[in-house]
Amino acid sequence: MEIAVVGNEEFVLGFRLAGLKHVFVADGSNYQSVIGEAMSDTNIGILAVDAEDLSGLPYNVRAKIMDSIQPVVVPVGGDESDLREKVKRAIGVDLYKTEDE
């Protein structure tokens, strides 16, 4: 399984520099079709997206993307609780859990 990223040029630049091979550049006009293309790639296991771009999608599309298991969509730059739930659902373990919980 591969890691991929979807976002504008500035967002994906750091991922490219880190060596990610699956980079999908999208702007507001084609974001929905590009993220759909990325999600249909069976080689992608984790898809990183800009949380701000994701929030601009219609509710039903955003819900479908966030509920995806293959690939797991991880919003970057959003609320930490979203990431916590995604990691928990993806691997079945709450990595953030403390002894108090």
PDB file of N, CA and C in Angstrom:
ATOM      1  N   MET A   1       0.832  -1.177   0.000  1.00  0.00           N
ATOM      2  CA  MET A   1       0.000   0.000   0.000  1.00  0.00           C
ATOM      3  C   MET A   1       0.881   1.247   0.000  1.00  0.00           C
ATOM      4  N   GLU A   2       0.430   2.227  -0.722  1.00  0.00           N
ATOM      5  CA  GLU A   2       1.170   3.477  -0.874  1.00  0.00           C
ATOM      6  C   GLU A   2       0.481   4.617  -0.118  1.00  0.00           C
ATOM      7  N   ILE A   3       1.232   5.662   0.135  1.00  0.00           N
ATOM      8  CA  ILE A   3       0.699   6.890   0.710  1.00  0.00           C
ATOM      9  C   ILE A   3       0.607   7.905  -0.414  1.00  0.00           C
ATOM     10  N   ALA A   4      -0.507   8.621  -0.466  1.00  0.00           N
ATOM     11  CA  ALA A   4      -0.698   9.640  -1.493  1.00  0.00           C
ATOM     12  C   ALA A   4      -1.196  10.919  -0.846  1.00  0.00           C
ATOM     13  N   VAL A   5      -1.150  12.003  -1.615  1.00  0.00           N
ATOM     14  CA  VAL A   5      -1.604  13.293  -1.113  1.00  0.00           C
ATOM     15  C   VAL A   5      -2.384  14.003  -2.217  1.00  0.00           C
ATOM     16  N   VAL A   6      -3.435  14.719  -1.801  1.00  0.00           N
ATOM     17  CA  VAL A   6      -4.231  15.528  -2.722  1.00  0.00           C
ATOM     18  C   VAL A   6      -4.293  16.938  -2.168  1.00  0.00           C
ATOM     19  N   GLY A   7      -4.022  17.919  -3.001  1.00  0.00           N
ATOM     20  CA  GLY A   7      -4.121  19.304  -2.566  1.00  0.00           C
ATOM     21  C   GLY A   7      -3.559  20.260  -3.592  1.00  0.00           C
ATOM     22  N   ASN A   8      -3.518  21.520  -3.225  1.00  0.00           N
ATOM     23  CA  ASN A   8      -2.976  22.520  -4.136  1.00  0.00           C
ATOM     24  C   ASN A   8      -1.448  22.412  -4.166  1.00  0.00           C
ATOM     25  N   GLU A   9      -0.819  23.160  -5.071  1.00  0.00           N
ATOM     26  CA  GLU A   9       0.634  23.086  -5.255  1.00  0.00           C
ATOM     27  C   GLU A   9       1.401  23.307  -3.961  1.00  0.00           C
ATOM     28  N   GLU A  10       0.997  24.300  -3.180  1.00  0.00           N
ATOM     29  CA  GLU A  10       1.709  24.606  -1.948  1.00  0.00           C
ATOM     30  C   GLU A  10       1.580  23.483  -0.928  1.00  0.00           C
ATOM     31  N   PHE A  11       0.399  22.875  -0.848  1.00  0.00           N
ATOM     32  CA  PHE A  11       0.154  21.813   0.122  1.00  0.00           C
ATOM     33  C   PHE A  11       0.970  20.561  -0.206  1.00  0.00           C
ATOM     34  N   VAL A  12       1.037  20.194  -1.473  1.00  0.00           N
ATOM     35  CA  VAL A  12       1.701  18.944  -1.845  1.00  0.00           C
ATOM     36  C   VAL A  12       3.218  19.071  -1.944  1.00  0.00           C
ATOM     37  N   LEU A  13       3.729  20.295  -1.959  1.00  0.00           N
ATOM     38  CA  LEU A  13       5.167  20.506  -2.143  1.00  0.00           C
ATOM     39  C   LEU A  13       5.998  19.766  -1.096  1.00  0.00           C
ATOM     40  N   GLY A  14       5.654  19.893   0.160  1.00  0.00           N
ATOM     41  CA  GLY A  14       6.403  19.210   1.217  1.00  0.00           C
ATOM     42  C   GLY A  14       6.360  17.701   1.086  1.00  0.00           C
ATOM     43  N   PHE A  15       5.228  17.177   0.659  1.00  0.00           N
ATOM     44  CA  PHE A  15       5.100  15.731   0.467  1.00  0.00           C
ATOM     45  C   PHE A  15       5.982  15.266  -0.686  1.00  0.00           C
ATOM     46  N   ARG A  16       6.045  16.088  -1.739  1.00  0.00           N
ATOM     47  CA  ARG A  16       6.928  15.756  -2.868  1.00  0.00           C
ATOM     48  C   ARG A  16       8.382  15.736  -2.417  1.00  0.00           C
ATOM     49  N   LEU A  17       8.764  16.751  -1.636  1.00  0.00           N
ATOM     50  CA  LEU A  17      10.142  16.814  -1.147  1.00  0.00           C
ATOM     51  C   LEU A  17      10.475  15.644  -0.233  1.00  0.00           C
ATOM     52  N   ALA A  18       9.459  15.109   0.450  1.00  0.00           N
ATOM     53  CA  ALA A  18       9.661  13.953   1.324  1.00  0.00           C
ATOM     54  C   ALA A  18       9.747  12.648   0.534  1.00  0.00           C
ATOM     55  N   GLY A  19       9.463  12.712  -0.773  1.00  0.00           N
ATOM     56  CA  GLY A  19       9.614  11.532  -1.614  1.00  0.00           C
ATOM     57  C   GLY A  19       8.341  10.807  -1.983  1.00  0.00           C
ATOM     58  N   LEU A  20       7.184  11.383  -1.665  1.00  0.00           N
ATOM     59  CA  LEU A  20       5.933  10.737  -2.061  1.00  0.00           C
ATOM     60  C   LEU A  20       5.825  10.712  -3.577  1.00  0.00           C
ATOM     61  N   LYS A  21       5.455   9.560  -4.109  1.00  0.00           N
ATOM     62  CA  LYS A  21       5.347   9.402  -5.560  1.00  0.00           C
ATOM     63  C   LYS A  21       3.932   9.659  -6.060  1.00  0.00           C
ATOM     64  N   HIS A  22       2.948   9.416  -5.193  1.00  0.00           N
ATOM     65  CA  HIS A  22       1.545   9.597  -5.592  1.00  0.00           C
ATOM     66  C   HIS A  22       1.072  10.966  -5.110  1.00  0.00           C
ATOM     67  N   VAL A  23       1.210  11.955  -5.967  1.00  0.00           N
ATOM     68  CA  VAL A  23       0.833  13.321  -5.639  1.00  0.00           C
ATOM     69  C   VAL A  23      -0.209  13.777  -6.650  1.00  0.00           C
ATOM     70  N   PHE A  24      -1.352  14.217  -6.158  1.00  0.00           N
ATOM     71  CA  PHE A  24      -2.436  14.691  -6.999  1.00  0.00           C
ATOM     72  C   PHE A  24      -2.642  16.175  -6.714  1.00  0.00           C
ATOM     73  N   VAL A  25      -2.354  17.007  -7.710  1.00  0.00           N
ATOM     74  CA  VAL A  25      -2.519  18.448  -7.551  1.00  0.00           C
ATOM     75  C   VAL A  25      -3.930  18.821  -7.984  1.00  0.00           C
ATOM     76  N   ALA A  26      -4.627  19.562  -7.124  1.00  0.00           N
ATOM     77  CA  ALA A  26      -6.006  19.957  -7.406  1.00  0.00           C
ATOM     78  C   ALA A  26      -6.250  21.360  -6.880  1.00  0.00           C
ATOM     79  N   ASP A  27      -7.150  22.055  -7.535  1.00  0.00           N
ATOM     80  CA  ASP A  27      -7.583  23.350  -7.027  1.00  0.00           C
ATOM     81  C   ASP A  27      -9.091  23.276  -6.798  1.00  0.00           C
ATOM     82  N   GLY A  28      -9.693  24.381  -6.444  1.00  0.00           N
ATOM     83  CA  GLY A  28     -11.119  24.384  -6.126  1.00  0.00           C
ATOM     84  C   GLY A  28     -12.014  23.914  -7.252  1.00  0.00           C
ATOM     85  N   SER A  29     -11.599  24.138  -8.492  1.00  0.00           N
ATOM     86  CA  SER A  29     -12.460  23.785  -9.619  1.00  0.00           C
ATOM     87  C   SER A  29     -12.474  22.293  -9.935  1.00  0.00           C
ATOM     88  N   ASN A  30     -11.399  21.583  -9.635  1.00  0.00           N
ATOM     89  CA  ASN A  30     -11.356  20.159  -9.975  1.00  0.00           C
ATOM     90  C   ASN A  30     -11.076  19.261  -8.772  1.00  0.00           C
ATOM     91  N   TYR A  31     -11.177  19.788  -7.570  1.00  0.00           N
ATOM     92  CA  TYR A  31     -10.809  19.036  -6.360  1.00  0.00           C
ATOM     93  C   TYR A  31     -11.627  17.753  -6.206  1.00  0.00           C
ATOM     94  N   GLN A  32     -12.924  17.837  -6.414  1.00  0.00           N
ATOM     95  CA  GLN A  32     -13.787  16.674  -6.211  1.00  0.00           C
ATOM     96  C   GLN A  32     -13.443  15.545  -7.190  1.00  0.00           C
ATOM     97  N   SER A  33     -13.190  15.868  -8.443  1.00  0.00           N
ATOM     98  CA  SER A  33     -12.856  14.822  -9.410  1.00  0.00           C
ATOM     99  C   SER A  33     -11.465  14.243  -9.148  1.00  0.00           C
ATOM    100  N   VAL A  34     -10.521  15.075  -8.727  1.00  0.00           N
ATOM    101  CA  VAL A  34      -9.163  14.595  -8.457  1.00  0.00           C
ATOM    102  C   VAL A  34      -9.144  13.697  -7.226  1.00  0.00           C
ATOM    103  N   ILE A  35      -9.867  14.060  -6.180  1.00  0.00           N
ATOM    104  CA  ILE A  35      -9.890  13.209  -4.989  1.00  0.00           C
ATOM    105  C   ILE A  35     -10.610  11.887  -5.299  1.00  0.00           C
ATOM    106  N   GLY A  36     -11.605  11.932  -6.171  1.00  0.00           N
ATOM    107  CA  GLY A  36     -12.267  10.702  -6.602  1.00  0.00           C
ATOM    108  C   GLY A  36     -11.315   9.790  -7.357  1.00  0.00           C
ATOM    109  N   GLU A  37     -10.492  10.380  -8.206  1.00  0.00           N
ATOM    110  CA  GLU A  37      -9.482   9.614  -8.941  1.00  0.00           C
ATOM    111  C   GLU A  37      -8.489   8.974  -7.981  1.00  0.00           C
ATOM    112  N   ALA A  38      -8.031   9.742  -6.999  1.00  0.00           N
ATOM    113  CA  ALA A  38      -7.070   9.218  -6.029  1.00  0.00           C
ATOM    114  C   ALA A  38      -7.684   8.088  -5.204  1.00  0.00           C
ATOM    115  N   MET A  39      -8.935   8.241  -4.821  1.00  0.00           N
ATOM    116  CA  MET A  39      -9.584   7.215  -3.998  1.00  0.00           C
ATOM    117  C   MET A  39      -9.854   5.935  -4.771  1.00  0.00           C
ATOM    118  N   SER A  40      -9.928   6.014  -6.083  1.00  0.00           N
ATOM    119  CA  SER A  40     -10.194   4.811  -6.875  1.00  0.00           C
ATOM    120  C   SER A  40      -8.920   4.024  -7.187  1.00  0.00           C
ATOM    121  N   ASP A  41      -7.761   4.579  -6.865  1.00  0.00           N
ATOM    122  CA  ASP A  41      -6.497   3.887  -7.084  1.00  0.00           C
ATOM    123  C   ASP A  41      -6.319   2.827  -5.991  1.00  0.00           C
ATOM    124  N   THR A  42      -6.317   1.573  -6.383  1.00  0.00           N
ATOM    125  CA  THR A  42      -6.262   0.473  -5.419  1.00  0.00           C
ATOM    126  C   THR A  42      -4.897   0.325  -4.750  1.00  0.00           C
ATOM    127  N   ASN A  43      -3.875   0.993  -5.265  1.00  0.00           N
ATOM    128  CA  ASN A  43      -2.546   0.925  -4.655  1.00  0.00           C
ATOM    129  C   ASN A  43      -2.389   1.884  -3.480  1.00  0.00           C
ATOM    130  N   ILE A  44      -3.332   2.792  -3.315  1.00  0.00           N
ATOM    131  CA  ILE A  44      -3.238   3.793  -2.258  1.00  0.00           C
ATOM    132  C   ILE A  44      -3.936   3.299  -1.004  1.00  0.00           C
ATOM    133  N   GLY A  45      -3.208   3.270   0.110  1.00  0.00           N
ATOM    134  CA  GLY A  45      -3.768   2.836   1.389  1.00  0.00           C
ATOM    135  C   GLY A  45      -4.085   4.003   2.308  1.00  0.00           C
ATOM    136  N   ILE A  46      -3.293   5.072   2.213  1.00  0.00           N
ATOM    137  CA  ILE A  46      -3.498   6.269   3.026  1.00  0.00           C
ATOM    138  C   ILE A  46      -3.481   7.465   2.097  1.00  0.00           C
ATOM    139  N   LEU A  47      -4.493   8.296   2.232  1.00  0.00           N
ATOM    140  CA  LEU A  47      -4.611   9.493   1.399  1.00  0.00           C
ATOM    141  C   LEU A  47      -4.648  10.718   2.301  1.00  0.00           C
ATOM    142  N   ALA A  48      -3.611  11.531   2.236  1.00  0.00           N
ATOM    143  CA  ALA A  48      -3.546  12.759   3.024  1.00  0.00           C
ATOM    144  C   ALA A  48      -4.176  13.891   2.220  1.00  0.00           C
ATOM    145  N   VAL A  49      -5.066  14.639   2.857  1.00  0.00           N
ATOM    146  CA  VAL A  49      -5.725  15.764   2.202  1.00  0.00           C
ATOM    147  C   VAL A  49      -5.689  16.969   3.129  1.00  0.00           C
ATOM    148  N   ASP A  50      -5.764  18.147   2.552  1.00  0.00           N
ATOM    149  CA  ASP A  50      -5.822  19.374   3.339  1.00  0.00           C
ATOM    150  C   ASP A  50      -7.214  19.477   3.948  1.00  0.00           C
ATOM    151  N   ALA A  51      -7.289  19.611   5.255  1.00  0.00           N
ATOM    152  CA  ALA A  51      -8.582  19.665   5.945  1.00  0.00           C
ATOM    153  C   ALA A  51      -9.429  20.833   5.448  1.00  0.00           C
ATOM    154  N   GLU A  52      -8.793  21.926   5.101  1.00  0.00           N
ATOM    155  CA  GLU A  52      -9.530  23.091   4.605  1.00  0.00           C
ATOM    156  C   GLU A  52     -10.173  22.804   3.248  1.00  0.00           C
ATOM    157  N   ASP A  53      -9.450  22.127   2.364  1.00  0.00           N
ATOM    158  CA  ASP A  53     -10.012  21.757   1.062  1.00  0.00           C
ATOM    159  C   ASP A  53     -11.171  20.780   1.231  1.00  0.00           C
ATOM    160  N   LEU A  54     -11.004  19.854   2.142  1.00  0.00           N
ATOM    161  CA  LEU A  54     -12.037  18.859   2.390  1.00  0.00           C
ATOM    162  C   LEU A  54     -13.324  19.496   2.899  1.00  0.00           C
ATOM    163  N   SER A  55     -13.187  20.523   3.721  1.00  0.00           N
ATOM    164  CA  SER A  55     -14.372  21.180   4.268  1.00  0.00           C
ATOM    165  C   SER A  55     -15.154  21.937   3.208  1.00  0.00           C
ATOM    166  N   GLY A  56     -14.553  22.200   2.057  1.00  0.00           N
ATOM    167  CA  GLY A  56     -15.239  22.889   0.972  1.00  0.00           C
ATOM    168  C   GLY A  56     -16.093  21.985   0.107  1.00  0.00           C
ATOM    169  N   LEU A  57     -16.038  20.687   0.333  1.00  0.00           N
ATOM    170  CA  LEU A  57     -16.835  19.741  -0.448  1.00  0.00           C
ATOM    171  C   LEU A  57     -18.263  19.662   0.082  1.00  0.00           C
ATOM    172  N   PRO A  58     -19.205  19.257  -0.765  1.00  0.00           N
ATOM    173  CA  PRO A  58     -20.568  19.042  -0.272  1.00  0.00           C
ATOM    174  C   PRO A  58     -20.579  17.983   0.838  1.00  0.00           C
ATOM    175  N   TYR A  59     -21.539  18.099   1.744  1.00  0.00           N
ATOM    176  CA  TYR A  59     -21.594  17.231   2.924  1.00  0.00           C
ATOM    177  C   TYR A  59     -21.595  15.746   2.554  1.00  0.00           C
ATOM    178  N   ASN A  60     -22.425  15.349   1.584  1.00  0.00           N
ATOM    179  CA  ASN A  60     -22.534  13.915   1.256  1.00  0.00           C
ATOM    180  C   ASN A  60     -21.225  13.372   0.674  1.00  0.00           C
ATOM    181  N   VAL A  61     -20.534  14.179  -0.114  1.00  0.00           N
ATOM    182  CA  VAL A  61     -19.245  13.751  -0.680  1.00  0.00           C
ATOM    183  C   VAL A  61     -18.206  13.660   0.430  1.00  0.00           C
ATOM    184  N   ARG A  62     -18.167  14.664   1.288  1.00  0.00           N
ATOM    185  CA  ARG A  62     -17.215  14.689   2.412  1.00  0.00           C
ATOM    186  C   ARG A  62     -17.448  13.494   3.339  1.00  0.00           C
ATOM    187  N   ALA A  63     -18.706  13.172   3.617  1.00  0.00           N
ATOM    188  CA  ALA A  63     -19.021  12.036   4.491  1.00  0.00           C
ATOM    189  C   ALA A  63     -18.554  10.725   3.875  1.00  0.00           C
ATOM    190  N   LYS A  64     -18.754  10.566   2.573  1.00  0.00           N
ATOM    191  CA  LYS A  64     -18.319   9.346   1.890  1.00  0.00           C
ATOM    192  C   LYS A  64     -16.800   9.213   1.953  1.00  0.00           C
ATOM    193  N   ILE A  65     -16.102  10.320   1.755  1.00  0.00           N
ATOM    194  CA  ILE A  65     -14.642  10.304   1.793  1.00  0.00           C
ATOM    195  C   ILE A  65     -14.142   9.982   3.197  1.00  0.00           C
ATOM    196  N   MET A  66     -14.719  10.613   4.205  1.00  0.00           N
ATOM    197  CA  MET A  66     -14.263  10.411   5.579  1.00  0.00           C
ATOM    198  C   MET A  66     -14.594   9.012   6.097  1.00  0.00           C
ATOM    199  N   ASP A  67     -15.616   8.365   5.547  1.00  0.00           N
ATOM    200  CA  ASP A  67     -15.990   7.022   5.978  1.00  0.00           C
ATOM    201  C   ASP A  67     -15.219   5.936   5.239  1.00  0.00           C
ATOM    202  N   SER A  68     -14.399   6.337   4.286  1.00  0.00           N
ATOM    203  CA  SER A  68     -13.651   5.377   3.482  1.00  0.00           C
ATOM    204  C   SER A  68     -12.659   4.599   4.346  1.00  0.00           C
ATOM    205  N   ILE A  69     -12.597   3.320   4.095  1.00  0.00           N
ATOM    206  CA  ILE A  69     -11.631   2.465   4.785  1.00  0.00           C
ATOM    207  C   ILE A  69     -10.461   2.149   3.870  1.00  0.00           C
ATOM    208  N   GLN A  70     -10.703   2.072   2.595  1.00  0.00           N
ATOM    209  CA  GLN A  70      -9.653   1.811   1.615  1.00  0.00           C
ATOM    210  C   GLN A  70      -9.763   2.809   0.496  1.00  0.00           C
ATOM    211  N   PRO A  71      -9.001   3.846   0.445  1.00  0.00           N
ATOM    212  CA  PRO A  71      -7.935   4.215   1.364  1.00  0.00           C
ATOM    213  C   PRO A  71      -8.468   4.948   2.587  1.00  0.00           C
ATOM    214  N   VAL A  72      -7.672   4.984   3.624  1.00  0.00           N
ATOM    215  CA  VAL A  72      -7.995   5.785   4.800  1.00  0.00           C
ATOM    216  C   VAL A  72      -7.626   7.223   4.459  1.00  0.00           C
ATOM    217  N   VAL A  73      -8.578   8.125   4.593  1.00  0.00           N
ATOM    218  CA  VAL A  73      -8.339   9.534   4.281  1.00  0.00           C
ATOM    219  C   VAL A  73      -7.997  10.261   5.580  1.00  0.00           C
ATOM    220  N   VAL A  74      -6.835  10.914   5.584  1.00  0.00           N
ATOM    221  CA  VAL A  74      -6.359  11.616   6.772  1.00  0.00           C
ATOM    222  C   VAL A  74      -6.307  13.107   6.469  1.00  0.00           C
ATOM    223  N   PRO A  75      -7.214  13.881   7.083  1.00  0.00           N
ATOM    224  CA  PRO A  75      -7.141  15.329   6.898  1.00  0.00           C
ATOM    225  C   PRO A  75      -5.951  15.903   7.662  1.00  0.00           C
ATOM    226  N   VAL A  76      -5.177  16.712   7.008  1.00  0.00           N
ATOM    227  CA  VAL A  76      -3.992  17.310   7.610  1.00  0.00           C
ATOM    228  C   VAL A  76      -4.290  18.781   7.881  1.00  0.00           C
ATOM    229  N   GLY A  77      -3.984  19.217   9.086  1.00  0.00           N
ATOM    230  CA  GLY A  77      -4.186  20.606   9.444  1.00  0.00           C
ATOM    231  C   GLY A  77      -5.532  20.873  10.086  1.00  0.00           C
ATOM    232  N   GLY A  78      -6.271  19.848  10.377  1.00  0.00           N
ATOM    233  CA  GLY A  78      -7.575  20.020  11.001  1.00  0.00           C
ATOM    234  C   GLY A  78      -7.535  19.716  12.481  1.00  0.00           C
ATOM    235  N   ASP A  79      -8.679  19.387  13.023  1.00  0.00           N
ATOM    236  CA  ASP A  79      -8.830  19.062  14.431  1.00  0.00           C
ATOM    237  C   ASP A  79      -8.120  17.752  14.744  1.00  0.00           C
ATOM    238  N   GLU A  80      -7.369  17.714  15.837  1.00  0.00           N
ATOM    239  CA  GLU A  80      -6.623  16.513  16.218  1.00  0.00           C
ATOM    240  C   GLU A  80      -7.546  15.328  16.491  1.00  0.00           C
ATOM    241  N   SER A  81      -8.760  15.573  16.965  1.00  0.00           N
ATOM    242  CA  SER A  81      -9.660  14.463  17.264  1.00  0.00           C
ATOM    243  C   SER A  81     -10.029  13.694  15.999  1.00  0.00           C
ATOM    244  N   ASP A  82     -10.094  14.378  14.843  1.00  0.00           N
ATOM    245  CA  ASP A  82     -10.344  13.685  13.580  1.00  0.00           C
ATOM    246  C   ASP A  82      -9.239  12.687  13.281  1.00  0.00           C
ATOM    247  N   LEU A  83      -7.993  13.142  13.435  1.00  0.00           N
ATOM    248  CA  LEU A  83      -6.865  12.267  13.188  1.00  0.00           C
ATOM    249  C   LEU A  83      -6.873  11.091  14.155  1.00  0.00           C
ATOM    250  N   ARG A  84      -7.186  11.356  15.407  1.00  0.00           N
ATOM    251  CA  ARG A  84      -7.245  10.297  16.413  1.00  0.00           C
ATOM    252  C   ARG A  84      -8.244   9.222  16.012  1.00  0.00           C
ATOM    253  N   GLU A  85      -9.420   9.634  15.590  1.00  0.00           N
ATOM    254  CA  GLU A  85     -10.447   8.668  15.190  1.00  0.00           C
ATOM    255  C   GLU A  85     -10.039   7.901  13.945  1.00  0.00           C
ATOM    256  N   LYS A  86      -9.405   8.563  12.981  1.00  0.00           N
ATOM    257  CA  LYS A  86      -8.961   7.892  11.766  1.00  0.00           C
ATOM    258  C   LYS A  86      -7.913   6.827  12.073  1.00  0.00           C
ATOM    259  N   VAL A  87      -6.939   7.163  12.909  1.00  0.00           N
ATOM    260  CA  VAL A  87      -5.901   6.204  13.270  1.00  0.00           C
ATOM    261  C   VAL A  87      -6.523   5.032  14.013  1.00  0.00           C
ATOM    262  N   LYS A  88      -7.423   5.331  14.923  1.00  0.00           N
ATOM    263  CA  LYS A  88      -8.090   4.286  15.703  1.00  0.00           C
ATOM    264  C   LYS A  88      -8.859   3.334  14.786  1.00  0.00           C
ATOM    265  N   ARG A  89      -9.588   3.885  13.818  1.00  0.00           N
ATOM    266  CA  ARG A  89     -10.364   3.055  12.906  1.00  0.00           C
ATOM    267  C   ARG A  89      -9.462   2.271  11.959  1.00  0.00           C
ATOM    268  N   ALA A  90      -8.346   2.889  11.530  1.00  0.00           N
ATOM    269  CA  ALA A  90      -7.461   2.242  10.565  1.00  0.00           C
ATOM    270  C   ALA A  90      -6.716   1.057  11.155  1.00  0.00           C
ATOM    271  N   ILE A  91      -6.205   1.216  12.389  1.00  0.00           N
ATOM    272  CA  ILE A  91      -5.388   0.144  12.956  1.00  0.00           C
ATOM    273  C   ILE A  91      -6.058  -0.583  14.116  1.00  0.00           C
ATOM    274  N   GLY A  92      -7.193  -0.059  14.556  1.00  0.00           N
ATOM    275  CA  GLY A  92      -7.935  -0.740  15.608  1.00  0.00           C
ATOM    276  C   GLY A  92      -7.439  -0.471  17.015  1.00  0.00           C
ATOM    277  N   VAL A  93      -6.524   0.476  17.173  1.00  0.00           N
ATOM    278  CA  VAL A  93      -5.959   0.787  18.479  1.00  0.00           C
ATOM    279  C   VAL A  93      -5.952   2.302  18.657  1.00  0.00           C
ATOM    280  N   ASP A  94      -6.305   2.748  19.848  1.00  0.00           N
ATOM    281  CA  ASP A  94      -6.272   4.172  20.150  1.00  0.00           C
ATOM    282  C   ASP A  94      -4.880   4.519  20.657  1.00  0.00           C
ATOM    283  N   LEU A  95      -4.035   5.059  19.770  1.00  0.00           N
ATOM    284  CA  LEU A  95      -2.661   5.373  20.134  1.00  0.00           C
ATOM    285  C   LEU A  95      -2.555   6.536  21.107  1.00  0.00           C
ATOM    286  N   TYR A  96      -3.587   7.355  21.161  1.00  0.00           N
ATOM    287  CA  TYR A  96      -3.572   8.539  22.011  1.00  0.00           C
ATOM    288  C   TYR A  96      -4.113   8.260  23.418  1.00  0.00           C
ATOM    289  N   LYS A  97      -4.601   7.073  23.655  1.00  0.00           N
ATOM    290  CA  LYS A  97      -5.219   6.750  24.922  1.00  0.00           C
ATOM    291  C   LYS A  97      -4.189   6.803  26.052  1.00  0.00           C
ATOM    292  N   THR A  98      -4.608   7.423  27.142  1.00  0.00           N
ATOM    293  CA  THR A  98      -3.746   7.517  28.321  1.00  0.00           C
ATOM    294  C   THR A  98      -4.290   6.580  29.395  1.00  0.00           C
ATOM    295  N   GLU A  99      -3.555   6.424  30.459  1.00  0.00           N
ATOM    296  CA  GLU A  99      -3.993   5.556  31.545  1.00  0.00           C
ATOM    297  C   GLU A  99      -5.242   6.087  32.224  1.00  0.00           C
ATOM    298  N   ASP A 100      -5.476   7.401  32.142  1.00  0.00           N
ATOM    299  CA  ASP A 100      -6.641   8.008  32.778  1.00  0.00           C
ATOM    300  C   ASP A 100      -7.934   7.691  32.043  1.00  0.00           C
ATOM    301  N   GLU A 101      -7.851   7.336  30.780  1.00  0.00           N
ATOM    302  CA  GLU A 101      -9.074   7.104  29.991  1.00  0.00           C
ATOM    303  C   GLU A 101      -9.530   5.678  30.074  1.00  0.00           C
TER     304      GLU A 101
END
